[in-house]
Amino acid sequence: MLSLALFCITFVLSWTWWLRNTKSKLEPPAYPGALPLIGHLHLLIGNSVYLWNLVKQISYTSLRMGGVITLSVGPRTIYVVTDPEDSLTFANACLQKETIYEFAKPWFGEGLITGTVSIWKRHRKLLSPAFSQLVLDGFQGVFNSQSRRLVKDLEVEVGKGPFDQWVYTRRNALETICMTAMGVDFSKSSLPYSQFEQAIEQCFSILVERFQKFWLHNDFIYSWSTLKKKEDQCLRILHNMSNTVMQLRKAAYLNNKKNGLEASSGTKFKAFVDLLLELSIETGALNDLEIREEVDTIIVAGHDTTATTLMFTLVLIGSYPKVQERIFEELHYVFGDDDRDVTKQDLSRLEYLEAVLKESMRIYPIVPVTARLLDKNVKLKNYTLTAGHGCFIFMYGIHRHAMWGDDAEEFKPERWLDTATLPLCPSAFAPFSIGRRICIGKAFAFMSMKTTLAHVLRHYRVKGDHTKMELKIDVMLKPAYGHHISIERRTK
């Protein structure tokens, strides 16, 4: 019996070794460190700080090995791509998200981030008008009022030394996205905002914890876990909030229509939920569940990314006094000593401020990894990716590719002011993903963040040190510590 067991183990190990060492020459090279049977699975075990350092390590190894490598995770084979051109080829060829996105479907359902290809195509086409420049221009008043709110909230930190600025940018960004997505100002609402905010953060932590505990990848095992019970509690809060707001908006729309009035949320702009309800009621293109899933997706994707980008950008600005002085000069050129609102015309004139934002997103990509499922063989420049496997695009590696030059590791906003210093490949800059399934909220994010920074930096001088930051992966790239800044009031 023992002999049979040893024979079986030896056979399995030999078969595994043979499969992994007789691959086609068209397959990308393997990442070093694989073990029999488990492959590279042992490298994935660790906390969220360790996982981020692993992403960086794999990125640099991939770049050294030609921009495409293979990893073995147990019985599964996955590819990692850091070459910008190959990333674009793959991203446009395969639109289906990798199976790990299934973990988020209880939260987002078939929303734009997690939806299957057929649903994503239909929803993307339906939602595109809601992100038109005309609609976004209507949000500029919200961006200004929220920026002024942030400036006022920060007053308590003036002259008091380093503080956790993310507490402020996160709350402000969530308020902004809730106003524009749902038409709800939580500062004037009786709805349980703090509970809503906590539930979002807990859901992020749950997704990461489930990913790290590979035995919870199985839906049946996960359904019996305490983590699933915790997730259900959070989702009840989140879905009850969006369902409540949606039903209130729907009732108001039908009532106004009955009385011959224009549907309105009581604000000077039309919230995303109102636009989607109008589309649903007039054409039947979306049902209530689909609307809620898209609103939930917009809220989470829209607030966490902008809040974290603003946090990283302020730390970087505080780390480079010359960059900060150049921003001040541009702000004075556009606004003088006037503390007026930022207009859409002003946004186009704030070229250096936009360069700082872009360089911040290049150095610290908020969504550092995205993943797709290969539903067909995909031929790259030097390799062929095999159907049925997963493929992970590492934005961190793409943003450090050789086409960025020898100074790719340096924070240099001025590189964005001269097209001759930028890579010719458009996918070399990928903070909003790559290819046809790129983030629909890109223009919204830039308008919101540029407006916020214009207000904050007209009032405060920032000091920070980004070299002291320790980062982690919490679905998105987040600070573990070291991101604190100090502020002083600017003198005119």
Protein backbone atom coordinates (compact mmCIF):
# COMPACT_ATOMS: atom_id res chain seq x y z
CA MET A 1 0.00 0.00 0.00
CA LEU A 2 2.83 2.34 0.93
CA SER A 3 4.62 1.45 -2.30
CA LEU A 4 1.51 2.29 -4.33
CA ALA A 5 1.17 5.65 -2.57
CA LEU A 6 4.82 6.48 -3.22
CA PHE A 7 4.43 5.46 -6.86
CA CYS A 8 1.37 7.72 -7.28
CA ILE A 9 3.13 10.68 -5.66
CA THR A 10 6.22 10.16 -7.81
CA PHE A 11 4.08 9.86 -10.96
CA VAL A 12 2.14 13.06 -10.20
CA LEU A 13 5.33 15.00 -9.46
CA SER A 14 6.99 13.70 -12.62
CA TRP A 15 3.93 14.46 -14.75
CA THR A 16 3.72 17.99 -13.33
CA TRP A 17 7.43 18.56 -14.00
CA TRP A 18 7.10 17.24 -17.54
CA LEU A 19 4.12 19.46 -18.33
CA ARG A 20 5.89 22.56 -17.04
CA ASN A 21 9.15 21.82 -18.81
CA THR A 22 7.87 20.75 -22.23
CA LYS A 23 5.91 23.86 -23.07
CA SER A 24 5.81 25.29 -26.52
CA LYS A 25 8.62 27.68 -27.37
CA LEU A 26 5.89 30.21 -28.06
CA GLU A 27 4.93 30.17 -24.35
CA PRO A 28 6.41 32.99 -22.23
CA PRO A 29 9.27 32.10 -19.88
CA ALA A 30 8.43 30.91 -16.36
CA TYR A 31 8.86 33.05 -13.28
CA PRO A 32 11.53 31.44 -11.07
CA GLY A 33 10.80 29.73 -7.76
CA ALA A 34 8.06 27.25 -8.71
CA LEU A 35 7.69 24.13 -6.54
CA PRO A 36 6.30 20.72 -7.57
CA LEU A 37 2.47 20.56 -7.56
CA ILE A 38 1.88 23.96 -5.95
CA GLY A 39 3.95 25.99 -8.42
CA HIS A 40 4.23 29.60 -7.19
CA LEU A 41 1.31 29.33 -4.77
CA HIS A 42 3.61 29.60 -1.76
CA LEU A 43 4.77 33.03 -2.94
CA LEU A 44 1.24 34.46 -2.61
CA ILE A 45 0.88 33.80 1.13
CA GLY A 46 1.38 36.91 3.22
CA ASN A 47 -0.26 40.14 4.35
CA SER A 48 -1.31 42.94 2.02
CA VAL A 49 2.03 44.78 2.35
CA TYR A 50 3.89 41.62 1.36
CA LEU A 51 1.56 41.14 -1.62
CA TRP A 52 2.35 44.63 -2.90
CA ASN A 53 6.08 44.02 -2.65
CA LEU A 54 5.53 40.75 -4.54
CA VAL A 55 3.71 42.63 -7.32
CA LYS A 56 6.69 44.96 -7.64
CA GLN A 57 9.15 42.07 -7.65
CA ILE A 58 7.20 40.18 -10.32
CA SER A 59 6.89 43.40 -12.37
CA TYR A 60 10.64 43.99 -12.47
CA THR A 61 11.34 40.33 -13.24
CA SER A 62 8.81 40.41 -16.08
CA LEU A 63 10.42 43.54 -17.52
CA ARG A 64 13.85 41.91 -17.42
CA MET A 65 12.50 38.76 -19.10
CA GLY A 66 10.84 40.55 -22.01
CA GLY A 67 7.55 41.85 -20.60
CA VAL A 68 5.58 38.57 -20.47
CA ILE A 69 6.05 35.68 -18.01
CA THR A 70 4.21 32.59 -16.81
CA LEU A 71 3.31 31.66 -13.24
CA SER A 72 1.85 28.40 -11.93
CA VAL A 73 -0.69 28.74 -9.13
CA GLY A 74 -1.42 25.18 -8.08
CA PRO A 75 -2.80 23.47 -11.18
CA ARG A 76 -3.53 26.79 -12.88
CA THR A 77 -1.32 28.65 -15.32
CA ILE A 78 -1.50 32.43 -15.41
CA TYR A 79 0.38 35.00 -17.45
CA VAL A 80 1.72 38.35 -16.28
CA VAL A 81 2.19 41.09 -18.87
CA THR A 82 4.15 44.32 -18.33
CA ASP A 83 4.89 45.20 -21.96
CA PRO A 84 2.59 48.11 -22.98
CA GLU A 85 2.10 46.97 -26.58
CA ASP A 86 1.43 43.34 -25.66
CA SER A 87 -0.93 44.52 -22.91
CA LEU A 88 -3.00 46.48 -25.40
CA THR A 89 -3.10 43.54 -27.82
CA PHE A 90 -4.34 41.20 -25.12
CA ALA A 91 -6.76 43.66 -23.49
CA ASN A 92 -8.53 44.32 -26.78
CA ALA A 93 -8.62 40.65 -27.75
CA CYS A 94 -10.07 39.32 -24.46
CA LEU A 95 -12.76 41.32 -22.66
CA GLN A 96 -13.97 38.70 -20.16
CA LYS A 97 -12.80 39.39 -16.60
CA GLU A 98 -10.80 36.72 -14.76
CA THR A 99 -12.63 34.41 -12.34
CA ILE A 100 -11.40 36.28 -9.23
CA TYR A 101 -13.84 39.07 -10.16
CA GLU A 102 -16.64 36.66 -9.21
CA PHE A 103 -15.78 37.43 -5.56
CA ALA A 104 -17.16 40.95 -6.04
CA LYS A 105 -20.39 40.00 -7.81
CA PRO A 106 -22.47 39.79 -4.61
CA TRP A 107 -21.67 43.50 -4.28
CA PHE A 108 -21.67 44.79 -7.88
CA GLY A 109 -23.61 42.08 -9.69
CA GLU A 110 -23.24 42.57 -13.45
CA GLY A 111 -22.05 46.18 -13.19
CA LEU A 112 -19.41 47.54 -15.56
CA ILE A 113 -16.45 46.27 -13.51
CA THR A 114 -17.59 42.68 -13.01
CA GLY A 115 -20.15 42.08 -15.76
CA THR A 116 -19.84 39.41 -18.41
CA VAL A 117 -18.83 40.62 -21.87
CA SER A 118 -22.32 40.59 -23.38
CA ILE A 119 -23.83 42.54 -20.47
CA TRP A 120 -20.87 44.91 -20.29
CA LYS A 121 -21.21 45.81 -23.98
CA ARG A 122 -24.92 46.56 -23.62
CA HIS A 123 -24.56 48.55 -20.39
CA ARG A 124 -21.51 50.47 -21.61
CA LYS A 125 -23.44 51.64 -24.66
CA LEU A 126 -26.43 52.63 -22.51
CA LEU A 127 -24.36 54.41 -19.85
CA SER A 128 -22.04 56.35 -22.15
CA PRO A 129 -24.47 59.31 -22.50
CA ALA A 130 -24.54 59.61 -18.69
CA PHE A 131 -20.79 60.33 -18.81
CA SER A 132 -20.94 62.78 -21.69
CA GLN A 133 -19.10 66.08 -21.32
CA LEU A 134 -22.43 67.92 -21.14
CA VAL A 135 -23.50 65.87 -18.11
CA LEU A 136 -20.07 66.16 -16.48
CA ASP A 137 -20.09 69.94 -16.91
CA GLY A 138 -23.26 69.97 -14.82
CA PHE A 139 -21.28 68.48 -11.92
CA GLN A 140 -18.74 71.32 -11.81
CA GLY A 141 -20.79 73.11 -9.15
CA VAL A 142 -20.64 70.00 -6.97
CA PHE A 143 -16.89 69.71 -7.50
CA ASN A 144 -16.43 73.32 -6.39
CA SER A 145 -18.70 73.12 -3.34
CA GLN A 146 -17.12 69.87 -2.22
CA SER A 147 -13.63 71.29 -2.70
CA ARG A 148 -14.54 74.26 -0.53
CA ARG A 149 -15.91 71.86 2.08
CA LEU A 150 -12.58 70.00 2.09
CA VAL A 151 -10.64 73.27 2.47
CA LYS A 152 -12.79 74.16 5.47
CA ASP A 153 -12.47 70.69 7.03
CA LEU A 154 -8.67 70.91 6.77
CA GLU A 155 -8.55 74.18 8.75
CA VAL A 156 -8.30 72.27 12.03
CA GLU A 157 -4.98 70.74 10.91
CA VAL A 158 -3.18 73.99 10.01
CA GLY A 159 0.12 74.33 11.85
CA LYS A 160 -0.37 71.19 13.93
CA GLY A 161 2.17 68.96 12.21
CA PRO A 162 1.64 65.68 10.33
CA PHE A 163 -1.89 64.25 10.13
CA ASP A 164 -3.75 61.51 8.26
CA GLN A 165 -5.01 63.39 5.22
CA TRP A 166 -6.68 60.30 3.73
CA VAL A 167 -9.42 60.55 6.37
CA TYR A 168 -10.40 63.85 4.78
CA THR A 169 -9.92 63.03 1.08
CA ARG A 170 -11.79 59.72 1.43
CA ARG A 171 -14.80 61.24 3.19
CA ASN A 172 -14.94 64.16 0.77
CA ALA A 173 -14.66 61.95 -2.32
CA LEU A 174 -17.40 59.64 -1.04
CA GLU A 175 -19.68 62.62 -0.41
CA THR A 176 -18.95 63.89 -3.93
CA ILE A 177 -19.70 60.61 -5.67
CA CYS A 178 -22.88 60.07 -3.63
CA MET A 179 -24.13 63.50 -4.63
CA THR A 180 -23.39 62.99 -8.32
CA ALA A 181 -24.42 59.31 -8.48
CA MET A 182 -27.46 59.37 -6.18
CA GLY A 183 -28.21 63.05 -5.68
CA VAL A 184 -27.83 62.69 -1.91
CA ASP A 185 -25.88 65.16 0.24
CA PHE A 186 -25.12 63.11 3.33
CA SER A 187 -24.18 66.19 5.33
CA LYS A 188 -27.82 67.28 5.05
CA SER A 189 -29.40 63.84 5.08
CA SER A 190 -30.80 61.67 7.86
CA LEU A 191 -29.51 58.55 6.08
CA PRO A 192 -26.86 56.62 8.12
CA TYR A 193 -23.78 57.88 6.29
CA SER A 194 -21.12 56.63 8.73
CA GLN A 195 -22.61 53.13 8.60
CA PHE A 196 -22.55 53.26 4.80
CA GLU A 197 -18.91 54.41 4.79
CA GLN A 198 -17.83 51.67 7.21
CA ALA A 199 -19.61 48.99 5.19
CA ILE A 200 -17.68 49.97 2.05
CA GLU A 201 -14.33 49.74 3.83
CA GLN A 202 -15.25 46.40 5.40
CA CYS A 203 -16.25 44.96 2.03
CA PHE A 204 -12.86 45.88 0.59
CA SER A 205 -11.14 44.09 3.47
CA ILE A 206 -13.36 41.04 3.00
CA LEU A 207 -12.48 40.77 -0.69
CA VAL A 208 -8.75 40.87 0.07
CA GLU A 209 -9.04 38.38 2.92
CA ARG A 210 -10.95 35.94 0.74
CA PHE A 211 -8.33 36.24 -2.00
CA GLN A 212 -5.51 35.56 0.47
CA LYS A 213 -7.24 32.50 1.99
CA PHE A 214 -7.24 30.32 -1.12
CA TRP A 215 -9.46 27.67 0.49
CA LEU A 216 -12.24 30.29 0.57
CA HIS A 217 -12.13 30.60 -3.22
CA ASN A 218 -14.57 27.69 -3.31
CA ASP A 219 -18.10 29.11 -3.13
CA PHE A 220 -19.46 26.22 -1.07
CA ILE A 221 -16.76 26.46 1.59
CA TYR A 222 -17.03 30.26 1.59
CA SER A 223 -20.81 30.08 2.09
CA TRP A 224 -20.25 28.44 5.50
CA SER A 225 -17.54 30.83 6.66
CA THR A 226 -17.83 33.64 9.19
CA LEU A 227 -16.37 35.93 6.54
CA LYS A 228 -19.40 35.32 4.32
CA LYS A 229 -21.72 36.23 7.20
CA LYS A 230 -19.78 39.45 7.71
CA GLU A 231 -20.01 40.19 3.98
CA ASP A 232 -23.79 39.62 4.00
CA GLN A 233 -24.21 42.12 6.84
CA CYS A 234 -22.22 44.77 4.98
CA LEU A 235 -24.05 44.17 1.71
CA ARG A 236 -27.43 44.57 3.42
CA ILE A 237 -26.37 48.06 4.49
CA LEU A 238 -24.99 49.02 1.08
CA HIS A 239 -27.83 47.60 -1.00
CA ASN A 240 -30.52 48.94 1.33
CA MET A 241 -29.03 52.42 0.96
CA SER A 242 -28.90 52.38 -2.84
CA ASN A 243 -32.31 50.69 -3.10
CA THR A 244 -33.88 53.29 -0.81
CA VAL A 245 -32.45 56.21 -2.75
CA MET A 246 -33.39 54.64 -6.07
CA GLN A 247 -37.00 54.07 -5.05
CA LEU A 248 -37.28 57.66 -3.78
CA ARG A 249 -35.88 58.94 -7.07
CA LYS A 250 -38.19 56.70 -9.07
CA ALA A 251 -41.27 57.85 -7.16
CA ALA A 252 -40.28 61.49 -7.67
CA TYR A 253 -39.73 60.93 -11.40
CA LEU A 254 -43.12 59.27 -11.88
CA ASN A 255 -44.86 61.94 -9.81
CA ASN A 256 -43.28 64.77 -11.79
CA LYS A 257 -44.14 63.06 -15.05
CA LYS A 258 -47.73 62.60 -13.92
CA ASN A 259 -47.96 66.31 -13.13
CA GLY A 260 -46.29 67.35 -16.35
CA LEU A 261 -43.08 68.51 -14.63
CA GLU A 262 -39.47 67.84 -15.52
CA ALA A 263 -37.97 65.06 -13.41
CA SER A 264 -35.61 66.57 -10.86
CA SER A 265 -33.69 65.52 -7.77
CA GLY A 266 -33.97 69.01 -6.30
CA THR A 267 -30.41 69.88 -7.33
CA LYS A 268 -28.93 72.01 -10.09
CA PHE A 269 -27.66 68.92 -11.86
CA LYS A 270 -29.12 65.55 -12.81
CA ALA A 271 -27.67 62.67 -10.78
CA PHE A 272 -26.57 59.46 -12.51
CA VAL A 273 -29.43 57.51 -10.90
CA ASP A 274 -31.95 59.98 -12.36
CA LEU A 275 -30.46 59.58 -15.83
CA LEU A 276 -30.57 55.80 -15.53
CA LEU A 277 -34.14 55.82 -14.19
CA GLU A 278 -35.21 58.03 -17.06
CA LEU A 279 -33.61 55.56 -19.46
CA SER A 280 -35.29 52.66 -17.70
CA ILE A 281 -38.77 54.12 -17.47
CA GLU A 282 -38.86 55.61 -20.96
CA THR A 283 -37.26 52.71 -22.87
CA GLY A 284 -37.22 49.72 -20.48
CA ALA A 285 -33.53 49.23 -21.27
CA LEU A 286 -32.54 48.65 -17.63
CA ASN A 287 -34.42 47.14 -14.70
CA ASP A 288 -34.19 48.30 -11.09
CA LEU A 289 -31.59 45.69 -10.14
CA GLU A 290 -29.33 46.64 -13.06
CA ILE A 291 -29.59 50.31 -12.12
CA ARG A 292 -28.66 49.58 -8.51
CA GLU A 293 -25.68 47.48 -9.60
CA GLU A 294 -24.37 50.27 -11.81
CA VAL A 295 -24.91 52.92 -9.11
CA ASP A 296 -23.09 50.73 -6.55
CA THR A 297 -20.24 50.29 -9.05
CA ILE A 298 -20.01 54.02 -9.76
CA ILE A 299 -19.96 54.91 -6.05
CA VAL A 300 -17.16 52.53 -5.14
CA ALA A 301 -15.04 52.93 -8.27
CA GLY A 302 -15.56 56.69 -8.29
CA HIS A 303 -14.75 57.61 -4.71
CA ASP A 304 -11.93 55.28 -3.67
CA THR A 305 -9.79 55.89 -6.75
CA THR A 306 -10.05 59.72 -6.61
CA ALA A 307 -9.53 59.85 -2.83
CA THR A 308 -6.41 57.72 -2.98
CA THR A 309 -5.00 59.53 -6.01
CA LEU A 310 -5.47 62.87 -4.23
CA MET A 311 -3.75 61.43 -1.15
CA PHE A 312 -0.72 60.24 -3.14
CA THR A 313 -0.58 63.48 -5.13
CA LEU A 314 -0.56 65.69 -2.04
CA VAL A 315 2.23 63.61 -0.48
CA LEU A 316 4.26 63.92 -3.70
CA ILE A 317 3.62 67.66 -3.97
CA GLY A 318 4.73 68.03 -0.36
CA SER A 319 7.89 66.05 -1.15
CA TYR A 320 9.00 68.29 -4.04
CA PRO A 321 9.05 72.03 -3.14
CA LYS A 322 9.98 73.07 -6.70
CA VAL A 323 6.95 71.22 -8.08
CA GLN A 324 4.73 72.90 -5.49
CA GLU A 325 6.09 76.35 -6.34
CA ARG A 326 5.41 75.78 -10.03
CA ILE A 327 1.83 74.77 -9.21
CA PHE A 328 1.43 77.98 -7.16
CA GLU A 329 2.70 80.02 -10.10
CA GLU A 330 0.20 78.42 -12.47
CA LEU A 331 -2.67 78.88 -10.02
CA HIS A 332 -1.78 82.56 -9.59
CA TYR A 333 -1.56 82.98 -13.37
CA VAL A 334 -5.07 81.50 -13.84
CA PHE A 335 -6.84 82.88 -10.75
CA GLY A 336 -4.71 85.78 -9.51
CA ASP A 337 -5.64 86.46 -5.88
CA ASP A 338 -9.29 85.60 -6.53
CA ASP A 339 -10.79 82.69 -4.58
CA ARG A 340 -13.49 82.18 -7.19
CA ASP A 341 -14.88 78.83 -8.32
CA VAL A 342 -13.00 76.75 -10.87
CA THR A 343 -14.67 76.76 -14.29
CA LYS A 344 -14.35 74.20 -17.07
CA GLN A 345 -12.28 76.77 -18.97
CA ASP A 346 -9.90 77.00 -16.01
CA LEU A 347 -9.44 73.22 -16.00
CA SER A 348 -8.05 73.26 -19.55
CA ARG A 349 -5.57 75.98 -18.56
CA LEU A 350 -4.21 74.08 -15.54
CA GLU A 351 -1.75 72.13 -17.67
CA TYR A 352 1.02 71.70 -15.10
CA LEU A 353 -1.44 70.65 -12.40
CA GLU A 354 -2.73 67.96 -14.76
CA ALA A 355 0.85 66.89 -15.45
CA VAL A 356 1.40 66.48 -11.70
CA LEU A 357 -1.75 64.36 -11.43
CA LYS A 358 -0.74 62.14 -14.32
CA GLU A 359 2.77 61.65 -12.99
CA SER A 360 1.35 60.77 -9.57
CA MET A 361 -0.86 58.12 -11.18
CA ARG A 362 2.11 56.80 -13.14
CA ILE A 363 4.28 56.44 -10.04
CA TYR A 364 1.44 55.10 -7.87
CA PRO A 365 -1.17 53.35 -10.09
CA ILE A 366 -4.30 53.10 -7.94
CA VAL A 367 -5.46 49.94 -9.71
CA PRO A 368 -2.06 48.24 -10.04
CA VAL A 369 -3.35 44.94 -11.45
CA THR A 370 -6.21 43.96 -13.74
CA ALA A 371 -7.01 40.47 -14.97
CA ARG A 372 -8.81 38.89 -17.91
CA LEU A 373 -9.65 35.37 -19.00
CA LEU A 374 -8.24 34.10 -22.30
CA ASP A 375 -11.20 32.87 -24.35
CA LYS A 376 -8.92 32.38 -27.37
CA ASN A 377 -5.23 32.05 -28.16
CA VAL A 378 -3.64 35.49 -28.38
CA LYS A 379 -0.48 36.10 -30.40
CA LEU A 380 1.81 38.74 -28.93
CA LYS A 381 5.06 40.12 -30.36
CA ASN A 382 7.18 37.18 -29.23
CA TYR A 383 4.82 34.71 -27.56
CA THR A 384 1.38 33.16 -27.83
CA LEU A 385 -0.94 33.07 -24.81
CA THR A 386 -3.02 29.90 -24.60
CA ALA A 387 -6.82 29.96 -24.30
CA GLY A 388 -8.33 28.92 -20.98
CA HIS A 389 -5.70 30.58 -18.79
CA GLY A 390 -5.86 33.82 -16.83
CA CYS A 391 -3.76 36.84 -17.76
CA PHE A 392 -2.82 39.62 -15.34
CA ILE A 393 -1.74 43.04 -16.57
CA PHE A 394 0.58 44.74 -14.06
CA MET A 395 0.18 48.51 -14.43
CA TYR A 396 3.10 49.11 -12.06
CA GLY A 397 5.41 47.33 -14.50
CA ILE A 398 3.92 49.04 -17.57
CA HIS A 399 4.59 52.44 -15.96
CA ARG A 400 8.27 51.50 -15.54
CA HIS A 401 8.86 50.03 -18.97
CA ALA A 402 12.03 51.04 -20.83
CA MET A 403 10.00 53.23 -23.20
CA TRP A 404 9.62 55.70 -20.31
CA GLY A 405 13.39 56.26 -20.39
CA ASP A 406 16.16 56.00 -17.83
CA ASP A 407 14.27 58.26 -15.42
CA ALA A 408 11.16 56.05 -15.26
CA GLU A 409 11.51 55.68 -11.48
CA GLU A 410 11.66 59.45 -10.95
CA PHE A 411 8.74 61.79 -10.26
CA LYS A 412 9.02 64.29 -13.12
CA PRO A 413 5.72 66.05 -14.00
CA GLU A 414 7.45 68.09 -16.71
CA ARG A 415 7.71 64.97 -18.88
CA TRP A 416 3.97 65.44 -19.62
CA LEU A 417 4.46 68.95 -21.04
CA ASP A 418 6.46 67.79 -24.06
CA THR A 419 5.10 64.97 -26.21
CA ALA A 420 8.64 64.23 -27.40
CA THR A 421 9.48 62.97 -23.89
CA LEU A 422 6.49 60.61 -23.72
CA PRO A 423 6.23 57.02 -25.03
CA LEU A 424 4.68 56.68 -28.46
CA CYS A 425 2.58 53.72 -27.29
CA PRO A 426 -0.73 55.04 -25.84
CA SER A 427 -1.07 52.10 -23.44
CA ALA A 428 2.22 52.95 -21.68
CA PHE A 429 0.06 55.05 -19.33
CA ALA A 430 -2.71 52.89 -17.92
CA PRO A 431 -4.12 54.17 -14.60
CA PHE A 432 -7.67 53.75 -15.94
CA SER A 433 -6.98 50.29 -17.41
CA ILE A 434 -6.24 49.48 -21.05
CA GLY A 435 -8.11 48.97 -24.29
CA ARG A 436 -11.83 48.77 -24.97
CA ARG A 437 -12.77 48.05 -21.36
CA ILE A 438 -11.15 51.22 -20.04
CA CYS A 439 -12.78 53.04 -17.10
CA ILE A 440 -15.84 55.03 -18.15
CA GLY A 441 -15.23 57.64 -15.44
CA LYS A 442 -11.84 58.94 -16.59
CA ALA A 443 -13.04 62.46 -17.49
CA PHE A 444 -15.14 62.66 -14.29
CA ALA A 445 -12.06 61.79 -12.21
CA PHE A 446 -9.80 64.38 -13.81
CA MET A 447 -12.39 67.16 -13.47
CA SER A 448 -13.05 66.34 -9.83
CA MET A 449 -9.39 65.96 -8.81
CA LYS A 450 -8.11 69.05 -10.64
CA THR A 451 -10.86 71.16 -9.10
CA THR A 452 -10.08 69.83 -5.62
CA LEU A 453 -6.34 70.42 -5.91
CA ALA A 454 -6.87 73.94 -7.31
CA HIS A 455 -8.90 74.89 -4.24
CA VAL A 456 -6.71 73.17 -1.65
CA LEU A 457 -3.42 74.51 -3.01
CA ARG A 458 -4.72 78.06 -3.27
CA HIS A 459 -5.16 77.94 0.52
CA TYR A 460 -2.47 75.64 1.87
CA ARG A 461 1.20 74.86 1.53
CA VAL A 462 1.85 71.13 1.89
CA LYS A 463 4.78 69.21 3.33
CA GLY A 464 5.29 65.44 3.13
CA ASP A 465 7.81 62.71 2.29
CA HIS A 466 6.66 60.00 -0.10
CA THR A 467 9.86 57.96 0.46
CA LYS A 468 8.58 57.06 3.94
CA MET A 469 5.36 55.49 2.64
CA GLU A 470 4.70 51.78 3.10
CA LEU A 471 2.07 50.54 0.65
CA LYS A 472 -0.34 47.63 0.53
CA ILE A 473 -2.91 46.11 -1.79
CA ASP A 474 -6.42 46.56 -0.42
CA VAL A 475 -8.09 45.73 -3.77
CA MET A 476 -6.55 49.03 -4.82
CA LEU A 477 -3.15 50.46 -3.93
CA LYS A 478 -3.37 52.02 -0.46
CA PRO A 479 -0.96 53.39 2.15
CA ALA A 480 -0.16 51.20 5.14
CA TYR A 481 1.58 54.16 6.80
CA GLY A 482 3.86 57.12 6.06
CA HIS A 483 1.34 59.08 4.01
CA HIS A 484 0.77 61.83 6.57
CA ILE A 485 1.27 65.44 5.53
CA SER A 486 1.37 68.77 7.34
CA ILE A 487 -0.16 71.98 6.05
CA GLU A 488 0.34 75.68 6.56
CA ARG A 489 -1.87 78.48 5.38
CA ARG A 490 -0.58 80.19 2.27
CA THR A 491 0.03 83.91 2.43
CA LYS A 492 -1.02 85.93 -0.60
